[in-house]
């Protein structure tokens, strides 16, 4: 079996997928042309899912006491992004019945831009944390993102 070594850029990209999974799912749920009644979410739902993901990730990555300050920056960035995404998706849901096609596209574009901005903000703070990790932690982080374990943990928590 051939193994592949990821570059730092690939690892940073993989780490950013943590935010991407929920943010992209939210953006796609509110994509133009979808029935809004079926995709409307409770206010703050994204933020709640983010908090669950943060706890799960903290446990799986075995964040040490020394790493807590760097971890706090990661969680702060993730929660800020979740608040922004919640506000945008709630505004979109609130105006779903009175948006025309152009308003719909603009709203969707705002969500996509916020998602991209969130990834750009998360990448350097996660890279700083990643640089402080032991080899075992890095391996866990790589697996966590590469194999989508964060997605599996969401499915498990939903099924409970």
N, C-alpha and C. Protein backbone atom coordinates (compact mmCIF):
# COMPACT_ATOMS: atom_id res chain seq x y z
N UNK A 1 0.84 -1.17 0.00
CA UNK A 1 0.00 0.00 0.00
C UNK A 1 0.89 1.24 0.00
N UNK A 2 0.63 2.15 -0.89
CA UNK A 2 1.41 3.37 -0.99
C UNK A 2 0.83 4.43 -0.07
N UNK A 3 1.71 5.09 0.68
CA UNK A 3 1.24 6.17 1.55
C UNK A 3 1.60 7.50 0.92
N UNK A 4 0.79 8.51 1.23
CA UNK A 4 1.01 9.84 0.70
C UNK A 4 1.30 10.79 1.84
N UNK A 5 2.25 11.65 1.64
CA UNK A 5 2.57 12.67 2.63
C UNK A 5 1.95 13.98 2.15
N UNK A 6 1.18 14.61 3.02
CA UNK A 6 0.54 15.86 2.66
C UNK A 6 1.47 17.04 2.92
N UNK A 7 1.38 18.04 2.07
CA UNK A 7 2.15 19.26 2.29
C UNK A 7 1.42 20.11 3.33
N UNK A 8 2.11 21.13 3.85
CA UNK A 8 1.48 22.03 4.83
C UNK A 8 0.23 22.68 4.25
N UNK A 9 0.28 23.07 3.00
CA UNK A 9 -0.90 23.69 2.38
C UNK A 9 -2.07 22.71 2.33
N UNK A 10 -1.78 21.47 2.03
CA UNK A 10 -2.84 20.47 2.00
C UNK A 10 -3.41 20.24 3.39
N UNK A 11 -2.56 20.27 4.40
CA UNK A 11 -3.03 20.08 5.77
C UNK A 11 -3.87 21.27 6.22
N UNK A 12 -3.44 22.45 5.87
CA UNK A 12 -4.21 23.65 6.21
C UNK A 12 -5.56 23.59 5.53
N UNK A 13 -5.57 23.19 4.27
CA UNK A 13 -6.84 23.07 3.54
C UNK A 13 -7.74 22.03 4.21
N UNK A 14 -7.15 20.93 4.61
CA UNK A 14 -7.94 19.88 5.27
C UNK A 14 -8.52 20.39 6.58
N UNK A 15 -7.73 21.15 7.32
CA UNK A 15 -8.24 21.68 8.59
C UNK A 15 -9.40 22.65 8.36
N UNK A 16 -9.32 23.38 7.31
CA UNK A 16 -10.39 24.33 7.01
C UNK A 16 -11.69 23.61 6.66
N UNK A 17 -11.60 22.34 6.29
CA UNK A 17 -12.80 21.58 5.96
C UNK A 17 -13.70 21.39 7.16
N UNK A 18 -13.18 21.58 8.35
CA UNK A 18 -14.02 21.49 9.54
C UNK A 18 -15.16 22.49 9.45
N UNK A 19 -14.82 23.71 9.18
CA UNK A 19 -15.84 24.75 9.05
C UNK A 19 -16.62 24.53 7.76
N UNK A 20 -15.94 24.09 6.75
CA UNK A 20 -16.56 23.93 5.44
C UNK A 20 -17.74 22.99 5.46
N UNK A 21 -17.63 21.88 6.18
CA UNK A 21 -18.67 20.86 6.13
C UNK A 21 -20.04 21.42 6.49
N UNK A 22 -20.14 22.11 7.60
CA UNK A 22 -21.44 22.65 8.00
C UNK A 22 -21.78 23.90 7.21
N UNK A 23 -20.79 24.74 6.99
CA UNK A 23 -21.05 25.98 6.28
C UNK A 23 -21.51 25.69 4.86
N UNK A 24 -20.85 24.78 4.20
CA UNK A 24 -21.24 24.43 2.84
C UNK A 24 -22.61 23.77 2.83
N UNK A 25 -22.85 22.91 3.78
CA UNK A 25 -24.17 22.28 3.86
C UNK A 25 -25.26 23.33 4.04
N UNK A 26 -24.98 24.32 4.86
CA UNK A 26 -25.94 25.41 5.06
C UNK A 26 -26.12 26.19 3.78
N UNK A 27 -25.01 26.51 3.12
CA UNK A 27 -25.10 27.27 1.88
C UNK A 27 -25.87 26.50 0.82
N UNK A 28 -25.59 25.21 0.71
CA UNK A 28 -26.30 24.40 -0.28
C UNK A 28 -27.78 24.26 0.07
N UNK A 29 -28.07 24.20 1.35
CA UNK A 29 -29.47 24.07 1.75
C UNK A 29 -30.28 25.29 1.33
N UNK A 30 -29.60 26.42 1.24
CA UNK A 30 -30.29 27.65 0.86
C UNK A 30 -29.96 28.08 -0.56
N UNK A 31 -29.50 27.14 -1.35
CA UNK A 31 -29.15 27.43 -2.74
C UNK A 31 -30.39 27.85 -3.51
N UNK A 32 -30.20 28.69 -4.53
CA UNK A 32 -31.34 29.09 -5.35
C UNK A 32 -32.05 27.87 -5.92
N UNK A 33 -33.36 27.93 -5.92
CA UNK A 33 -34.16 26.88 -6.52
C UNK A 33 -34.62 25.81 -5.55
N UNK A 34 -34.13 25.80 -4.34
CA UNK A 34 -34.58 24.80 -3.37
C UNK A 34 -35.84 25.31 -2.68
N UNK A 35 -36.68 24.39 -2.27
CA UNK A 35 -37.88 24.76 -1.55
C UNK A 35 -37.48 25.21 -0.16
N UNK A 36 -37.86 26.42 0.17
CA UNK A 36 -37.42 27.00 1.42
C UNK A 36 -38.07 26.35 2.63
N UNK A 37 -39.31 25.96 2.53
CA UNK A 37 -40.01 25.37 3.67
C UNK A 37 -39.28 24.12 4.16
N UNK A 38 -38.67 23.39 3.26
CA UNK A 38 -37.99 22.16 3.63
C UNK A 38 -36.59 22.40 4.17
N UNK A 39 -36.04 23.60 3.96
CA UNK A 39 -34.66 23.83 4.35
C UNK A 39 -34.50 24.84 5.47
N UNK A 40 -35.55 25.47 5.92
CA UNK A 40 -35.44 26.46 6.98
C UNK A 40 -35.00 25.78 8.26
N UNK A 41 -34.05 26.40 8.96
CA UNK A 41 -33.53 25.83 10.20
C UNK A 41 -33.85 26.75 11.36
N UNK A 42 -33.77 26.19 12.56
CA UNK A 42 -33.96 27.00 13.75
C UNK A 42 -32.84 28.02 13.85
N UNK A 43 -33.18 29.17 14.41
CA UNK A 43 -32.18 30.22 14.64
C UNK A 43 -31.10 29.63 15.56
N UNK A 44 -29.88 29.92 15.26
CA UNK A 44 -28.71 29.49 16.03
C UNK A 44 -28.39 27.99 15.88
N UNK A 45 -29.02 27.30 14.96
CA UNK A 45 -28.75 25.87 14.80
C UNK A 45 -27.32 25.62 14.35
N UNK A 46 -26.81 26.43 13.46
CA UNK A 46 -25.44 26.27 12.98
C UNK A 46 -24.45 26.47 14.12
N UNK A 47 -24.72 27.48 14.93
CA UNK A 47 -23.85 27.75 16.08
C UNK A 47 -23.88 26.58 17.06
N UNK A 48 -25.04 26.00 17.30
CA UNK A 48 -25.15 24.86 18.20
C UNK A 48 -24.36 23.67 17.67
N UNK A 49 -24.48 23.40 16.37
CA UNK A 49 -23.73 22.29 15.76
C UNK A 49 -22.23 22.55 15.84
N UNK A 50 -21.86 23.81 15.70
CA UNK A 50 -20.44 24.17 15.79
C UNK A 50 -19.91 23.90 17.19
N UNK A 51 -20.69 24.23 18.20
CA UNK A 51 -20.25 23.97 19.58
C UNK A 51 -20.06 22.48 19.83
N UNK A 52 -20.95 21.65 19.30
CA UNK A 52 -20.83 20.20 19.43
C UNK A 52 -19.56 19.73 18.72
N UNK A 53 -19.32 20.25 17.52
CA UNK A 53 -18.15 19.87 16.75
C UNK A 53 -16.86 20.30 17.46
N UNK A 54 -16.88 21.48 18.07
CA UNK A 54 -15.71 21.97 18.81
C UNK A 54 -15.37 21.02 19.96
N UNK A 55 -16.37 20.61 20.72
CA UNK A 55 -16.13 19.68 21.84
C UNK A 55 -15.59 18.35 21.34
N UNK A 56 -16.19 17.85 20.26
CA UNK A 56 -15.75 16.58 19.69
C UNK A 56 -14.31 16.68 19.19
N UNK A 57 -14.02 17.76 18.52
CA UNK A 57 -12.68 17.94 17.98
C UNK A 57 -11.65 18.09 19.11
N UNK A 58 -12.00 18.82 20.15
CA UNK A 58 -11.10 19.01 21.30
C UNK A 58 -10.73 17.65 21.89
N UNK A 59 -11.71 16.80 22.04
CA UNK A 59 -11.48 15.47 22.59
C UNK A 59 -10.63 14.63 21.66
N UNK A 60 -10.99 14.57 20.40
CA UNK A 60 -10.27 13.72 19.46
C UNK A 60 -8.84 14.18 19.23
N UNK A 61 -8.63 15.49 19.23
CA UNK A 61 -7.29 16.00 18.99
C UNK A 61 -6.44 16.02 20.26
N UNK A 62 -7.07 15.72 21.40
CA UNK A 62 -6.36 15.67 22.68
C UNK A 62 -5.57 16.96 22.92
N UNK A 63 -6.29 18.07 22.84
CA UNK A 63 -5.69 19.38 23.04
C UNK A 63 -5.11 19.45 24.45
N UNK A 64 -3.86 19.84 24.55
CA UNK A 64 -3.18 19.90 25.85
C UNK A 64 -3.40 21.25 26.50
N UNK A 65 -3.06 21.32 27.77
CA UNK A 65 -3.17 22.57 28.52
C UNK A 65 -2.34 23.67 27.86
N UNK A 66 -1.17 23.31 27.39
CA UNK A 66 -0.27 24.27 26.73
C UNK A 66 -0.90 24.80 25.43
N UNK A 67 -1.70 23.98 24.77
CA UNK A 67 -2.31 24.36 23.49
C UNK A 67 -3.63 25.11 23.65
N UNK A 68 -4.14 25.21 24.86
CA UNK A 68 -5.46 25.80 25.07
C UNK A 68 -5.60 27.22 24.54
N UNK A 69 -4.57 28.05 24.65
CA UNK A 69 -4.66 29.43 24.14
C UNK A 69 -4.82 29.43 22.62
N UNK A 70 -4.10 28.57 21.94
CA UNK A 70 -4.22 28.47 20.48
C UNK A 70 -5.58 27.86 20.12
N UNK A 71 -6.01 26.88 20.89
CA UNK A 71 -7.31 26.25 20.67
C UNK A 71 -8.43 27.28 20.85
N UNK A 72 -8.28 28.15 21.84
CA UNK A 72 -9.29 29.19 22.09
C UNK A 72 -9.45 30.09 20.87
N UNK A 73 -8.36 30.38 20.18
CA UNK A 73 -8.44 31.19 18.96
C UNK A 73 -9.20 30.45 17.86
N UNK A 74 -8.95 29.15 17.75
CA UNK A 74 -9.66 28.33 16.76
C UNK A 74 -11.15 28.34 17.07
N UNK A 75 -11.51 28.08 18.33
CA UNK A 75 -12.93 28.01 18.68
C UNK A 75 -13.60 29.37 18.53
N UNK A 76 -12.90 30.44 18.89
CA UNK A 76 -13.46 31.79 18.74
C UNK A 76 -13.76 32.06 17.26
N UNK A 77 -12.83 31.70 16.40
CA UNK A 77 -13.01 31.91 14.96
C UNK A 77 -14.19 31.08 14.43
N UNK A 78 -14.27 29.84 14.88
CA UNK A 78 -15.37 28.98 14.42
C UNK A 78 -16.72 29.50 14.90
N UNK A 79 -16.78 29.93 16.14
CA UNK A 79 -18.05 30.44 16.68
C UNK A 79 -18.46 31.76 16.04
N UNK A 80 -17.48 32.62 15.77
CA UNK A 80 -17.78 33.87 15.06
C UNK A 80 -18.36 33.58 13.69
N UNK A 81 -17.74 32.62 12.99
CA UNK A 81 -18.24 32.25 11.67
C UNK A 81 -19.66 31.68 11.76
N UNK A 82 -19.90 30.86 12.78
CA UNK A 82 -21.23 30.27 12.95
C UNK A 82 -22.28 31.36 13.17
N UNK A 83 -21.94 32.38 13.96
CA UNK A 83 -22.88 33.49 14.21
C UNK A 83 -23.20 34.23 12.93
N UNK A 84 -22.17 34.48 12.13
CA UNK A 84 -22.38 35.17 10.85
C UNK A 84 -23.26 34.33 9.93
N UNK A 85 -22.95 33.05 9.84
CA UNK A 85 -23.73 32.17 8.97
C UNK A 85 -25.17 32.04 9.47
N UNK A 86 -25.35 31.96 10.79
CA UNK A 86 -26.71 31.91 11.34
C UNK A 86 -27.50 33.16 10.96
N UNK A 87 -26.86 34.32 11.10
CA UNK A 87 -27.55 35.58 10.79
C UNK A 87 -27.93 35.64 9.31
N UNK A 88 -27.01 35.24 8.44
CA UNK A 88 -27.30 35.28 7.01
C UNK A 88 -28.38 34.28 6.61
N UNK A 89 -28.30 33.06 7.14
CA UNK A 89 -29.30 32.07 6.78
C UNK A 89 -30.67 32.41 7.38
N UNK A 90 -30.67 33.01 8.57
CA UNK A 90 -31.94 33.42 9.17
C UNK A 90 -32.55 34.56 8.36
N UNK A 91 -31.74 35.52 7.95
CA UNK A 91 -32.25 36.63 7.12
C UNK A 91 -32.80 36.09 5.81
N UNK A 92 -32.13 35.12 5.25
CA UNK A 92 -32.61 34.51 4.00
C UNK A 92 -33.94 33.81 4.22
N UNK A 93 -34.04 33.09 5.33
CA UNK A 93 -35.29 32.39 5.64
C UNK A 93 -36.42 33.38 5.91
N UNK A 94 -36.11 34.46 6.61
CA UNK A 94 -37.12 35.46 6.95
C UNK A 94 -37.69 36.15 5.72
N UNK A 95 -36.90 36.24 4.66
CA UNK A 95 -37.34 36.95 3.46
C UNK A 95 -37.60 36.03 2.28
N UNK A 96 -37.69 34.75 2.54
CA UNK A 96 -37.85 33.76 1.47
C UNK A 96 -39.09 34.03 0.61
N UNK A 97 -40.17 34.42 1.23
CA UNK A 97 -41.42 34.60 0.48
C UNK A 97 -41.47 35.89 -0.33
N UNK A 98 -40.65 36.87 0.02
CA UNK A 98 -40.71 38.13 -0.71
C UNK A 98 -39.47 38.43 -1.55
N UNK A 99 -38.56 37.47 -1.69
CA UNK A 99 -37.38 37.68 -2.53
C UNK A 99 -37.70 37.37 -3.98
N UNK A 100 -37.20 38.23 -4.86
CA UNK A 100 -37.28 37.88 -6.28
C UNK A 100 -36.00 37.11 -6.63
N UNK A 101 -35.86 36.74 -7.88
CA UNK A 101 -34.72 35.91 -8.30
C UNK A 101 -33.38 36.61 -8.02
N UNK A 102 -33.32 37.90 -8.26
CA UNK A 102 -32.08 38.64 -8.03
C UNK A 102 -31.76 38.69 -6.54
N UNK A 103 -32.77 38.96 -5.70
CA UNK A 103 -32.57 38.97 -4.25
C UNK A 103 -32.09 37.60 -3.77
N UNK A 104 -32.66 36.56 -4.34
CA UNK A 104 -32.30 35.20 -3.97
C UNK A 104 -30.82 34.93 -4.29
N UNK A 105 -30.41 35.32 -5.49
CA UNK A 105 -29.01 35.13 -5.88
C UNK A 105 -28.07 35.95 -5.00
N UNK A 106 -28.45 37.18 -4.70
CA UNK A 106 -27.61 38.03 -3.84
C UNK A 106 -27.49 37.42 -2.44
N UNK A 107 -28.59 36.93 -1.91
CA UNK A 107 -28.58 36.32 -0.59
C UNK A 107 -27.68 35.09 -0.57
N UNK A 108 -27.81 34.27 -1.57
CA UNK A 108 -26.97 33.08 -1.68
C UNK A 108 -25.50 33.49 -1.80
N UNK A 109 -25.23 34.51 -2.59
CA UNK A 109 -23.86 35.00 -2.75
C UNK A 109 -23.27 35.49 -1.44
N UNK A 110 -24.08 36.16 -0.62
CA UNK A 110 -23.61 36.62 0.69
C UNK A 110 -23.21 35.44 1.58
N UNK A 111 -23.99 34.38 1.51
CA UNK A 111 -23.68 33.19 2.30
C UNK A 111 -22.38 32.55 1.82
N UNK A 112 -22.22 32.44 0.52
CA UNK A 112 -21.00 31.84 -0.04
C UNK A 112 -19.78 32.69 0.30
N UNK A 113 -19.91 34.01 0.19
CA UNK A 113 -18.79 34.90 0.54
C UNK A 113 -18.44 34.79 2.02
N UNK A 114 -19.44 34.73 2.87
CA UNK A 114 -19.19 34.59 4.31
C UNK A 114 -18.49 33.27 4.61
N UNK A 115 -18.89 32.24 3.89
CA UNK A 115 -18.25 30.93 4.05
C UNK A 115 -16.77 31.03 3.68
N UNK A 116 -16.48 31.64 2.54
CA UNK A 116 -15.08 31.78 2.11
C UNK A 116 -14.28 32.63 3.10
N UNK A 117 -14.88 33.70 3.59
CA UNK A 117 -14.21 34.54 4.59
C UNK A 117 -13.92 33.75 5.86
N UNK A 118 -14.87 32.91 6.26
CA UNK A 118 -14.67 32.09 7.46
C UNK A 118 -13.50 31.14 7.30
N UNK A 119 -13.38 30.53 6.13
CA UNK A 119 -12.26 29.62 5.87
C UNK A 119 -10.94 30.39 5.92
N UNK A 120 -10.93 31.58 5.32
CA UNK A 120 -9.71 32.39 5.31
C UNK A 120 -9.30 32.79 6.73
N UNK A 121 -10.26 33.04 7.59
CA UNK A 121 -9.95 33.41 8.98
C UNK A 121 -9.51 32.20 9.79
N UNK A 122 -10.11 31.05 9.54
CA UNK A 122 -9.79 29.86 10.31
C UNK A 122 -8.42 29.28 9.95
N UNK A 123 -8.07 29.33 8.70
CA UNK A 123 -6.84 28.68 8.24
C UNK A 123 -5.60 29.08 9.04
N UNK A 124 -5.29 30.36 9.20
CA UNK A 124 -4.05 30.68 9.94
C UNK A 124 -4.10 30.33 11.43
N UNK A 125 -5.27 30.45 12.07
CA UNK A 125 -5.31 30.11 13.49
C UNK A 125 -5.22 28.60 13.70
N UNK A 126 -5.82 27.82 12.78
CA UNK A 126 -5.67 26.38 12.90
C UNK A 126 -4.25 25.96 12.55
N UNK A 127 -3.63 26.61 11.58
CA UNK A 127 -2.25 26.30 11.22
C UNK A 127 -1.32 26.53 12.40
N UNK A 128 -1.57 27.59 13.18
CA UNK A 128 -0.77 27.87 14.37
C UNK A 128 -0.93 26.76 15.41
N UNK A 129 -2.17 26.33 15.62
CA UNK A 129 -2.42 25.22 16.53
C UNK A 129 -1.76 23.94 16.02
N UNK A 130 -1.94 23.66 14.74
CA UNK A 130 -1.39 22.45 14.13
C UNK A 130 0.13 22.39 14.30
N UNK A 131 0.78 23.54 14.16
CA UNK A 131 2.24 23.58 14.30
C UNK A 131 2.69 23.21 15.71
N UNK A 132 1.82 23.41 16.70
CA UNK A 132 2.17 23.11 18.09
C UNK A 132 1.83 21.67 18.48
N UNK A 133 1.20 20.94 17.58
CA UNK A 133 0.75 19.58 17.90
C UNK A 133 1.89 18.57 17.84
N UNK A 134 1.73 17.53 18.66
CA UNK A 134 2.65 16.40 18.59
C UNK A 134 2.38 15.64 17.29
N UNK A 135 3.28 14.75 16.94
CA UNK A 135 3.08 13.96 15.73
C UNK A 135 1.79 13.14 15.82
N UNK A 136 1.50 12.61 17.01
CA UNK A 136 0.27 11.82 17.19
C UNK A 136 -0.97 12.70 17.00
N UNK A 137 -0.94 13.91 17.52
CA UNK A 137 -2.07 14.82 17.34
C UNK A 137 -2.24 15.20 15.87
N UNK A 138 -1.13 15.47 15.21
CA UNK A 138 -1.19 15.82 13.79
C UNK A 138 -1.79 14.66 12.99
N UNK A 139 -1.36 13.46 13.32
CA UNK A 139 -1.89 12.29 12.62
C UNK A 139 -3.41 12.19 12.84
N UNK A 140 -3.85 12.43 14.07
CA UNK A 140 -5.29 12.40 14.37
C UNK A 140 -6.02 13.51 13.61
N UNK A 141 -5.43 14.70 13.58
CA UNK A 141 -6.05 15.82 12.85
C UNK A 141 -6.13 15.48 11.36
N UNK A 142 -5.07 14.93 10.81
CA UNK A 142 -5.06 14.56 9.40
C UNK A 142 -6.16 13.55 9.10
N UNK A 143 -6.27 12.55 9.95
CA UNK A 143 -7.30 11.52 9.78
C UNK A 143 -8.68 12.12 9.95
N UNK A 144 -8.82 12.97 10.96
CA UNK A 144 -10.10 13.62 11.26
C UNK A 144 -10.64 14.34 10.04
N UNK A 145 -9.78 15.07 9.36
CA UNK A 145 -10.22 15.83 8.19
C UNK A 145 -10.23 14.99 6.92
N UNK A 146 -9.22 14.21 6.70
CA UNK A 146 -9.12 13.44 5.47
C UNK A 146 -10.24 12.42 5.34
N UNK A 147 -10.54 11.76 6.42
CA UNK A 147 -11.54 10.69 6.37
C UNK A 147 -12.93 11.18 6.72
N UNK A 148 -13.04 12.44 7.06
CA UNK A 148 -14.36 12.99 7.35
C UNK A 148 -14.94 12.53 8.67
N UNK A 149 -14.10 12.23 9.65
CA UNK A 149 -14.61 11.77 10.93
C UNK A 149 -15.52 12.79 11.58
N UNK A 150 -15.32 14.06 11.29
CA UNK A 150 -16.19 15.09 11.85
C UNK A 150 -17.61 14.91 11.32
N UNK A 151 -17.74 14.43 10.10
CA UNK A 151 -19.06 14.17 9.53
C UNK A 151 -19.70 12.97 10.21
N UNK A 152 -18.90 11.93 10.44
CA UNK A 152 -19.43 10.74 11.11
C UNK A 152 -19.89 11.04 12.52
N UNK A 153 -19.16 11.90 13.22
CA UNK A 153 -19.55 12.23 14.59
C UNK A 153 -20.87 13.00 14.60
N UNK A 154 -21.10 13.83 13.57
CA UNK A 154 -22.38 14.54 13.49
C UNK A 154 -23.53 13.56 13.29
N UNK A 155 -23.31 12.56 12.41
CA UNK A 155 -24.36 11.58 12.17
C UNK A 155 -24.67 10.79 13.43
N UNK A 156 -23.63 10.44 14.19
CA UNK A 156 -23.83 9.69 15.42
C UNK A 156 -24.61 10.52 16.44
N UNK A 157 -24.27 11.82 16.54
CA UNK A 157 -24.97 12.65 17.53
C UNK A 157 -26.40 12.92 17.11
N UNK A 158 -26.67 12.97 15.83
CA UNK A 158 -28.03 13.18 15.34
C UNK A 158 -28.88 11.95 15.60
N UNK A 159 -28.28 10.77 15.47
CA UNK A 159 -29.02 9.53 15.63
C UNK A 159 -29.36 9.21 17.09
N UNK A 160 -28.78 9.92 18.05
CA UNK A 160 -29.02 9.63 19.47
C UNK A 160 -30.34 10.14 19.92
